[in-house]
Amino acid sequence: MDTYHFRKQIHRLPGKVIHAVPLPTPEVTAGHGARREIGAICQKAGYKQVLVVTDETLHQLGYDEAVMESLQAAGVNASLFSDIHSEPNTAIIEAGRKKALESKAEAIIALGGGSVMDSCKMIAAGCKMPHLSVKALLLKFLLVPGNTLPLIMVPSTAGTGAELTVGAVVTNARGAKGSTVLIGLNVTHVVHDSELTIHAPKAVTAACGIDALSHCIEGALADVQSTKNDVYMSKEGVRLILENLPLLMKEGENEEARLNMAKAAMYGGNAINTQLAGYVHAFAHSIGAKYHLSHGLAISLMLLPVMEFQKEACEKKYAELAEYCHVPDFLQAIRELMAACGMDRIVSPVKEEDIPELIGKVVADSINYSAPVTLRNEDVEQILKELCTQKNP
């Protein structure tokens, strides 16, 4: 059944709902090796005991050592939880919460990508409600009494914007993913350290960068009431990525470009919080889940097809973005960026026999957003069929 008319009537509702959620306003520290300032940050805040959370890979690479040494030098006691090895799930969150409670942590330092940061959001929330199981915390909107434990976010990638987003994606005991919006998320600091991303492979840098780009573009296009500052951050995020991502494909160790990409990713996180995403994400979530395609690759697959399809409805905003980014044609600039990053050569996994199932998933996911245009089922089908005709470049 095509729920087009219903979806068209309520398409602004998600934007209104998200604006009722209080957002974190963290201080930002940026620089090469900036994570070495965390000890001073915690000392100034008066923390005596903190929990540092990271994943197995970063721990094995020793990236957490600078944080621990910084805390020790500042006289702050620190415990380490490095057991995160997959996407956030109830078992990981329960183990992290147990560690935080046992160590009497007054704040949590999240060192890692979106999985680590989302895990830390739920750990910080769960510590305020220790009597509840993690399963009981997996609500669409989770109200945290008195706010979560303070969080210091240290992203190791420049893509998800999870350092700022109030949402967390969690896998339940049945293996199904669900998103939770935390009301009372207390992110006090964000630390951008180019030392963490400077040796990232080109493919990872590109996929993360296009993910951040999609957040900023969809934020700028969303049919929601936005403040001037929110609009500025979305447009500025697009500009920063257009200028810096191609540079990193040639000069991966460019520290300034790495920090600019980190800033753009954070601006993308703000866009998710205040302007939401759109059909690029609705398609990417559905296709990624169906064919086990990573989020960055799924976003890269869908960014241009969706932008091309809605170009008539978005003509004015595309022109505004082109002017802001100092490019003659916005769509062409995105095409050139994708080519420069090698993301124009992704082979679509979509099979024609799967289209009916995917239509339902894309439509269902799109209800979470305030996209600039509402697609009918046949529109979704057309985009999916065009993906089926793609040839291996």
Protein backbone atom coordinates (compact mmCIF):
# COMPACT_ATOMS: atom_id res chain seq x y z
CA MET A 1 0.00 0.00 0.00
CA ASP A 2 1.29 3.47 -0.92
CA THR A 3 0.99 5.71 2.15
CA TYR A 4 2.07 8.73 0.12
CA HIS A 5 -0.71 11.12 1.16
CA PHE A 6 -0.33 10.26 4.83
CA ARG A 7 3.45 10.64 4.67
CA LYS A 8 3.14 13.93 2.81
CA GLN A 9 0.82 15.30 5.49
CA ILE A 10 3.11 14.41 8.38
CA HIS A 11 6.50 14.92 6.72
CA ARG A 12 7.29 17.98 8.85
CA LEU A 13 6.39 16.24 12.10
CA PRO A 14 9.80 14.57 12.75
CA GLY A 15 11.50 17.95 12.45
CA LYS A 16 9.14 19.45 15.01
CA VAL A 17 9.59 16.52 17.39
CA ILE A 18 13.40 16.60 17.28
CA HIS A 19 13.40 20.32 18.06
CA ALA A 20 11.80 19.52 21.42
CA VAL A 21 14.86 17.46 22.43
CA PRO A 22 17.55 19.42 24.33
CA LEU A 23 20.88 19.30 22.52
CA PRO A 24 24.41 19.15 23.93
CA THR A 25 26.57 22.27 23.55
CA PRO A 26 30.10 20.99 24.12
CA GLU A 27 33.36 22.88 24.16
CA VAL A 28 35.61 21.87 21.24
CA THR A 29 39.36 21.30 21.45
CA ALA A 30 41.16 20.65 18.16
CA GLY A 31 44.71 20.03 17.11
CA HIS A 32 47.32 17.41 16.25
CA GLY A 33 47.66 15.34 19.42
CA ALA A 34 44.78 17.18 21.10
CA ARG A 35 43.77 14.10 23.09
CA ARG A 36 46.79 14.81 25.28
CA GLU A 37 44.81 17.74 26.71
CA ILE A 38 42.08 15.52 28.15
CA GLY A 39 43.78 15.33 31.53
CA ALA A 40 43.71 19.11 31.85
CA ILE A 41 40.07 19.16 30.74
CA CYS A 42 39.10 16.64 33.42
CA GLN A 43 41.18 18.37 36.09
CA LYS A 44 39.48 21.69 35.33
CA ALA A 45 36.06 20.01 35.52
CA GLY A 46 36.94 18.58 38.92
CA TYR A 47 36.68 14.90 37.97
CA LYS A 48 38.53 12.55 40.32
CA GLN A 49 37.61 9.28 38.60
CA VAL A 50 36.82 8.67 34.91
CA LEU A 51 36.26 5.73 32.60
CA VAL A 52 38.06 5.67 29.25
CA VAL A 53 36.17 3.62 26.67
CA THR A 54 37.67 2.53 23.35
CA ASP A 55 37.62 -0.42 20.97
CA GLU A 56 40.00 -3.36 20.70
CA THR A 57 41.72 -2.04 17.56
CA LEU A 58 42.53 1.42 18.91
CA HIS A 59 43.67 -0.16 22.17
CA GLN A 60 46.00 -2.53 20.34
CA LEU A 61 47.39 0.42 18.36
CA GLY A 62 48.07 2.19 21.65
CA TYR A 63 46.00 5.28 20.83
CA ASP A 64 44.50 5.27 24.31
CA GLU A 65 47.91 5.49 26.00
CA ALA A 66 48.22 9.26 25.43
CA VAL A 67 44.82 9.75 27.07
CA MET A 68 45.70 7.61 30.09
CA GLU A 69 49.08 9.33 30.49
CA SER A 70 47.42 12.73 30.27
CA LEU A 71 44.94 11.80 33.00
CA GLN A 72 47.65 10.40 35.24
CA ALA A 73 49.73 13.56 34.84
CA ALA A 74 46.69 15.63 35.85
CA GLY A 75 46.07 13.52 38.95
CA VAL A 76 42.83 12.00 37.62
CA ASN A 77 42.21 8.31 38.34
CA ALA A 78 41.19 6.41 35.21
CA SER A 79 39.86 2.96 34.42
CA LEU A 80 39.90 1.48 30.92
CA PHE A 81 37.16 -0.42 29.08
CA SER A 82 38.35 -1.62 25.67
CA ASP A 83 36.03 -4.56 25.05
CA ILE A 84 34.07 -2.93 22.23
CA HIS A 85 34.56 -5.09 19.17
CA SER A 86 31.34 -4.63 17.26
CA GLU A 87 28.36 -2.36 16.90
CA PRO A 88 26.70 -1.35 20.18
CA ASN A 89 24.61 -4.14 21.64
CA THR A 90 23.01 -4.79 25.00
CA ALA A 91 25.84 -7.04 26.21
CA ILE A 92 28.54 -4.44 25.47
CA ILE A 93 26.54 -1.66 27.10
CA GLU A 94 25.82 -3.76 30.18
CA ALA A 95 29.51 -4.63 30.57
CA GLY A 96 30.53 -1.00 30.12
CA ARG A 97 27.95 0.22 32.61
CA LYS A 98 29.15 -2.35 35.16
CA LYS A 99 32.73 -1.11 34.73
CA ALA A 100 31.65 2.52 35.10
CA LEU A 101 29.63 1.83 38.25
CA GLU A 102 32.33 -0.32 39.84
CA SER A 103 34.97 2.34 39.22
CA LYS A 104 32.64 5.11 40.45
CA ALA A 105 33.27 7.04 37.23
CA GLU A 106 32.23 10.68 37.31
CA ALA A 107 32.65 11.07 33.55
CA ILE A 108 33.19 8.91 30.49
CA ILE A 109 35.78 9.51 27.78
CA ALA A 110 34.77 7.94 24.44
CA LEU A 111 37.73 7.31 22.14
CA GLY A 112 36.65 5.77 18.85
CA GLY A 113 34.18 5.82 16.01
CA GLY A 114 30.41 5.85 15.99
CA SER A 115 30.12 2.45 17.66
CA VAL A 116 32.22 3.51 20.64
CA MET A 117 30.49 6.86 20.98
CA ASP A 118 26.99 5.38 20.73
CA SER A 119 27.95 2.73 23.29
CA CYS A 120 29.19 5.45 25.63
CA LYS A 121 25.97 7.41 25.31
CA MET A 122 24.01 4.41 26.51
CA ILE A 123 26.54 3.58 29.24
CA ALA A 124 26.38 7.19 30.48
CA ALA A 125 22.58 7.02 30.49
CA GLY A 126 22.45 3.58 32.09
CA CYS A 127 24.64 4.69 34.99
CA LYS A 128 21.91 7.12 35.99
CA MET A 129 19.36 4.29 36.02
CA PRO A 130 21.33 1.33 37.42
CA HIS A 131 18.15 -0.43 38.56
CA LEU A 132 16.99 -0.84 34.96
CA SER A 133 18.28 -3.43 32.52
CA VAL A 134 19.84 -2.15 29.31
CA LYS A 135 16.96 -3.78 27.44
CA ALA A 136 14.56 -1.55 29.38
CA LEU A 137 16.50 1.51 28.21
CA LEU A 138 15.97 0.80 24.52
CA LEU A 139 13.08 3.20 24.02
CA LYS A 140 12.42 5.44 21.05
CA PHE A 141 12.88 8.40 23.40
CA LEU A 142 14.84 7.78 26.59
CA LEU A 143 14.41 10.43 29.29
CA VAL A 144 17.48 10.44 31.53
CA PRO A 145 16.78 11.93 34.99
CA GLY A 146 19.29 14.66 35.75
CA ASN A 147 21.12 14.10 32.44
CA THR A 148 23.64 11.38 31.59
CA LEU A 149 27.10 11.21 33.08
CA PRO A 150 29.33 13.85 31.44
CA LEU A 151 30.85 12.65 28.18
CA ILE A 152 34.09 13.71 26.50
CA MET A 153 33.95 12.58 22.88
CA VAL A 154 37.17 11.87 20.97
CA PRO A 155 36.14 10.67 17.48
CA SER A 156 38.67 8.51 15.62
CA THR A 157 36.89 8.99 12.28
CA ALA A 158 35.45 12.00 10.49
CA GLY A 159 32.06 10.83 9.31
CA THR A 160 29.28 9.82 11.67
CA GLY A 161 29.00 13.03 13.70
CA ALA A 162 28.11 10.75 16.63
CA GLU A 163 30.08 13.00 18.96
CA LEU A 164 27.15 15.42 18.79
CA THR A 165 24.06 13.43 17.85
CA VAL A 166 21.47 12.71 20.54
CA GLY A 167 20.65 9.37 18.94
CA ALA A 168 22.30 6.00 19.49
CA VAL A 169 21.89 2.91 17.31
CA VAL A 170 21.78 -0.26 19.40
CA THR A 171 21.40 -3.93 18.52
CA ASN A 172 19.07 -5.81 20.85
CA ALA A 173 19.37 -9.39 22.06
CA ARG A 174 17.54 -10.66 18.94
CA GLY A 175 20.08 -8.98 16.64
CA ALA A 176 17.69 -6.27 15.47
CA LYS A 177 18.91 -2.68 15.27
CA GLY A 178 16.96 0.12 16.85
CA SER A 179 17.64 3.80 17.46
CA THR A 180 17.22 5.56 20.79
CA VAL A 181 17.04 9.34 21.24
CA LEU A 182 18.50 10.37 24.58
CA ILE A 183 16.79 13.29 26.30
CA GLY A 184 19.43 14.65 28.62
CA LEU A 185 22.60 13.67 26.74
CA ASN A 186 25.45 15.54 28.46
CA VAL A 187 28.38 15.86 26.05
CA THR A 188 30.60 18.46 27.70
CA HIS A 189 33.64 18.34 25.39
CA VAL A 190 34.56 17.20 21.89
CA VAL A 191 38.24 16.64 21.14
CA HIS A 192 39.31 16.56 17.48
CA ASP A 193 42.75 15.01 17.15
CA SER A 194 44.11 14.73 13.60
CA GLU A 195 46.69 12.24 14.90
CA LEU A 196 43.88 9.67 15.13
CA THR A 197 42.80 9.95 11.48
CA ILE A 198 45.97 10.92 9.66
CA HIS A 199 46.96 7.36 8.77
CA ALA A 200 43.46 6.20 7.81
CA PRO A 201 43.34 4.43 4.43
CA LYS A 202 42.00 6.45 1.51
CA ALA A 203 38.93 4.23 1.20
CA VAL A 204 38.01 4.77 4.87
CA THR A 205 38.63 8.51 4.64
CA ALA A 206 36.46 8.71 1.52
CA ALA A 207 33.57 6.63 2.89
CA CYS A 208 33.51 8.57 6.15
CA GLY A 209 33.76 11.87 4.31
CA ILE A 210 30.85 11.11 2.00
CA ASP A 211 28.79 10.03 5.02
CA ALA A 212 29.48 13.41 6.66
CA LEU A 213 28.69 15.14 3.37
CA SER A 214 25.32 13.41 3.16
CA HIS A 215 24.42 14.63 6.66
CA CYS A 216 25.26 18.22 5.77
CA ILE A 217 23.53 18.16 2.38
CA GLU A 218 20.36 16.51 3.66
CA GLY A 219 20.33 18.93 6.57
CA ALA A 220 20.57 21.89 4.22
CA LEU A 221 17.76 20.48 2.06
CA ALA A 222 15.39 19.39 4.82
CA ASP A 223 11.91 20.91 5.03
CA VAL A 224 12.24 22.03 8.64
CA GLN A 225 12.44 25.34 10.44
CA SER A 226 16.14 25.95 11.03
CA THR A 227 18.09 28.65 12.81
CA LYS A 228 20.61 30.71 10.86
CA ASN A 229 23.38 28.98 12.77
CA ASP A 230 22.11 25.49 11.88
CA VAL A 231 21.85 26.45 8.20
CA TYR A 232 25.35 27.93 8.37
CA MET A 233 26.83 24.75 9.88
CA SER A 234 25.22 22.51 7.25
CA LYS A 235 26.42 24.68 4.37
CA GLU A 236 29.85 25.15 5.91
CA GLY A 237 30.15 21.40 6.38
CA VAL A 238 29.47 20.89 2.68
CA ARG A 239 32.05 23.52 1.72
CA LEU A 240 34.71 22.08 4.02
CA ILE A 241 34.24 18.60 2.57
CA LEU A 242 34.25 19.74 -1.05
CA GLU A 243 37.54 21.54 -0.42
CA ASN A 244 39.32 19.13 1.92
CA LEU A 245 38.28 15.59 0.99
CA PRO A 246 39.87 15.68 -2.52
CA LEU A 247 42.99 17.13 -0.90
CA LEU A 248 43.20 14.17 1.48
CA MET A 249 43.01 11.78 -1.44
CA LYS A 250 46.36 13.26 -2.53
CA GLU A 251 47.85 14.36 0.79
CA GLY A 252 46.59 11.97 3.43
CA GLU A 253 48.86 13.42 6.12
CA ASN A 254 47.62 16.99 5.74
CA GLU A 255 46.82 17.88 9.37
CA GLU A 256 44.75 20.97 8.60
CA ALA A 257 42.58 19.07 6.11
CA ARG A 258 42.06 16.30 8.67
CA LEU A 259 40.90 18.81 11.27
CA ASN A 260 38.62 20.51 8.74
CA MET A 261 37.01 17.14 7.97
CA ALA A 262 36.52 16.53 11.69
CA LYS A 263 34.79 19.89 11.99
CA ALA A 264 32.60 19.11 8.98
CA ALA A 265 31.62 15.74 10.46
CA MET A 266 30.60 17.47 13.69
CA TYR A 267 28.54 19.96 11.70
CA GLY A 268 26.91 16.95 10.07
CA GLY A 269 26.04 15.66 13.53
CA ASN A 270 24.36 18.99 14.24
CA ALA A 271 22.40 18.63 11.00
CA ILE A 272 21.12 15.23 12.12
CA ASN A 273 20.07 16.72 15.44
CA THR A 274 18.32 19.80 14.09
CA GLN A 275 17.42 19.13 10.44
CA LEU A 276 17.37 15.33 10.22
CA ALA A 277 18.36 13.25 7.21
CA GLY A 278 16.36 12.27 4.12
CA TYR A 279 15.93 9.69 1.40
CA VAL A 280 19.66 9.13 0.93
CA HIS A 281 19.64 7.60 4.41
CA ALA A 282 16.32 5.83 3.95
CA PHE A 283 17.69 4.03 0.87
CA ALA A 284 21.14 3.46 2.40
CA HIS A 285 19.76 1.97 5.62
CA SER A 286 17.53 -0.43 3.69
CA ILE A 287 20.09 -1.47 1.08
CA GLY A 288 22.90 -1.69 3.62
CA ALA A 289 20.89 -3.97 5.88
CA LYS A 290 19.67 -6.17 3.03
CA TYR A 291 23.05 -6.72 1.36
CA HIS A 292 25.42 -6.20 4.32
CA LEU A 293 26.91 -3.09 2.74
CA SER A 294 28.75 -0.75 5.10
CA HIS A 295 26.97 2.50 5.90
CA GLY A 296 29.58 4.68 4.19
CA LEU A 297 29.43 2.66 0.97
CA ALA A 298 25.62 2.53 1.01
CA ILE A 299 25.47 6.32 1.45
CA SER A 300 27.98 6.77 -1.36
CA LEU A 301 25.89 4.50 -3.59
CA MET A 302 22.70 6.49 -2.96
CA LEU A 303 23.82 10.12 -2.65
CA LEU A 304 23.79 11.08 -6.33
CA PRO A 305 20.78 8.97 -7.43
CA VAL A 306 18.58 10.61 -4.79
CA MET A 307 19.99 14.09 -5.42
CA GLU A 308 19.43 13.71 -9.16
CA PHE A 309 15.86 12.48 -8.65
CA GLN A 310 14.87 15.41 -6.43
CA LYS A 311 16.78 18.12 -8.32
CA GLU A 312 13.64 19.84 -9.59
CA ALA A 313 12.20 20.19 -6.08
CA CYS A 314 15.58 21.27 -4.69
CA GLU A 315 16.68 23.55 -7.54
CA LYS A 316 16.70 26.71 -5.39
CA LYS A 317 18.60 25.11 -2.50
CA TYR A 318 21.12 23.50 -4.88
CA ALA A 319 21.76 26.98 -6.30
CA GLU A 320 22.23 28.39 -2.78
CA LEU A 321 24.71 25.64 -1.95
CA ALA A 322 26.58 26.23 -5.22
CA GLU A 323 26.89 29.93 -4.42
CA TYR A 324 28.01 29.28 -0.84
CA CYS A 325 30.60 26.69 -1.92
CA HIS A 326 31.81 28.82 -4.87
CA VAL A 327 31.08 26.16 -7.50
CA PRO A 328 29.21 26.78 -10.79
CA ASP A 329 26.96 23.70 -10.55
CA PHE A 330 26.32 21.92 -7.27
CA LEU A 331 25.39 18.51 -8.65
CA GLN A 332 28.41 18.53 -10.92
CA ALA A 333 30.63 19.42 -7.97
CA ILE A 334 29.30 16.37 -6.11
CA ARG A 335 29.89 14.17 -9.16
CA GLU A 336 33.48 15.39 -9.39
CA LEU A 337 34.03 14.83 -5.68
CA MET A 338 32.74 11.27 -5.89
CA ALA A 339 35.06 10.60 -8.83
CA ALA A 340 38.05 12.11 -7.00
CA CYS A 341 37.38 9.79 -4.07
CA GLY A 342 36.77 6.70 -6.20
CA MET A 343 33.26 6.45 -4.78
CA ASP A 344 31.68 6.63 -8.23
CA ARG A 345 32.77 3.05 -8.92
CA ILE A 346 30.65 1.29 -6.30
CA VAL A 347 28.72 -1.60 -7.82
CA SER A 348 25.07 -1.70 -6.83
CA PRO A 349 24.06 -4.96 -5.10
CA VAL A 350 20.34 -4.35 -5.66
CA LYS A 351 18.50 -7.24 -7.34
CA GLU A 352 15.25 -6.71 -9.18
CA GLU A 353 13.48 -9.49 -7.29
CA ASP A 354 14.22 -7.67 -4.02
CA ILE A 355 12.66 -4.37 -5.09
CA PRO A 356 9.18 -4.93 -3.58
CA GLU A 357 10.72 -5.70 -0.20
CA LEU A 358 13.07 -2.72 -0.42
CA ILE A 359 10.27 -0.32 -1.34
CA GLY A 360 8.51 -1.12 1.93
CA LYS A 361 11.70 -0.68 3.94
CA VAL A 362 12.66 2.62 2.30
CA VAL A 363 9.17 4.06 2.74
CA ALA A 364 9.01 2.96 6.38
CA ASP A 365 12.42 4.47 7.15
CA SER A 366 11.59 7.75 5.39
CA ILE A 367 8.86 8.52 7.96
CA ASN A 368 11.66 9.37 10.42
CA TYR A 369 12.77 12.36 8.32
CA SER A 370 11.52 15.70 6.98
CA ALA A 371 12.77 15.36 3.41
CA PRO A 372 12.30 18.19 0.90
CA VAL A 373 10.05 15.99 -1.23
CA THR A 374 7.85 13.00 -0.40
CA LEU A 375 8.41 10.07 -2.78
CA ARG A 376 5.62 7.82 -3.97
CA ASN A 377 6.16 4.07 -4.04
CA GLU A 378 6.67 4.23 -7.79
CA ASP A 379 9.35 6.89 -7.33
CA VAL A 380 11.22 4.62 -4.92
CA GLU A 381 10.78 1.76 -7.37
CA GLN A 382 12.19 3.85 -10.23
CA ILE A 383 15.33 4.72 -8.28
CA LEU A 384 15.84 1.09 -7.27
CA LYS A 385 15.36 -0.14 -10.84
CA GLU A 386 17.97 2.31 -12.08
CA LEU A 387 20.37 0.82 -9.54
CA CYS A 388 19.70 -2.62 -11.02
CA THR A 389 20.83 -1.44 -14.45
CA GLN A 390 24.23 -0.22 -13.22
CA LYS A 391 27.17 -1.93 -14.83
CA ASN A 392 30.50 -2.64 -13.22
CA PRO A 393 32.64 0.42 -14.13
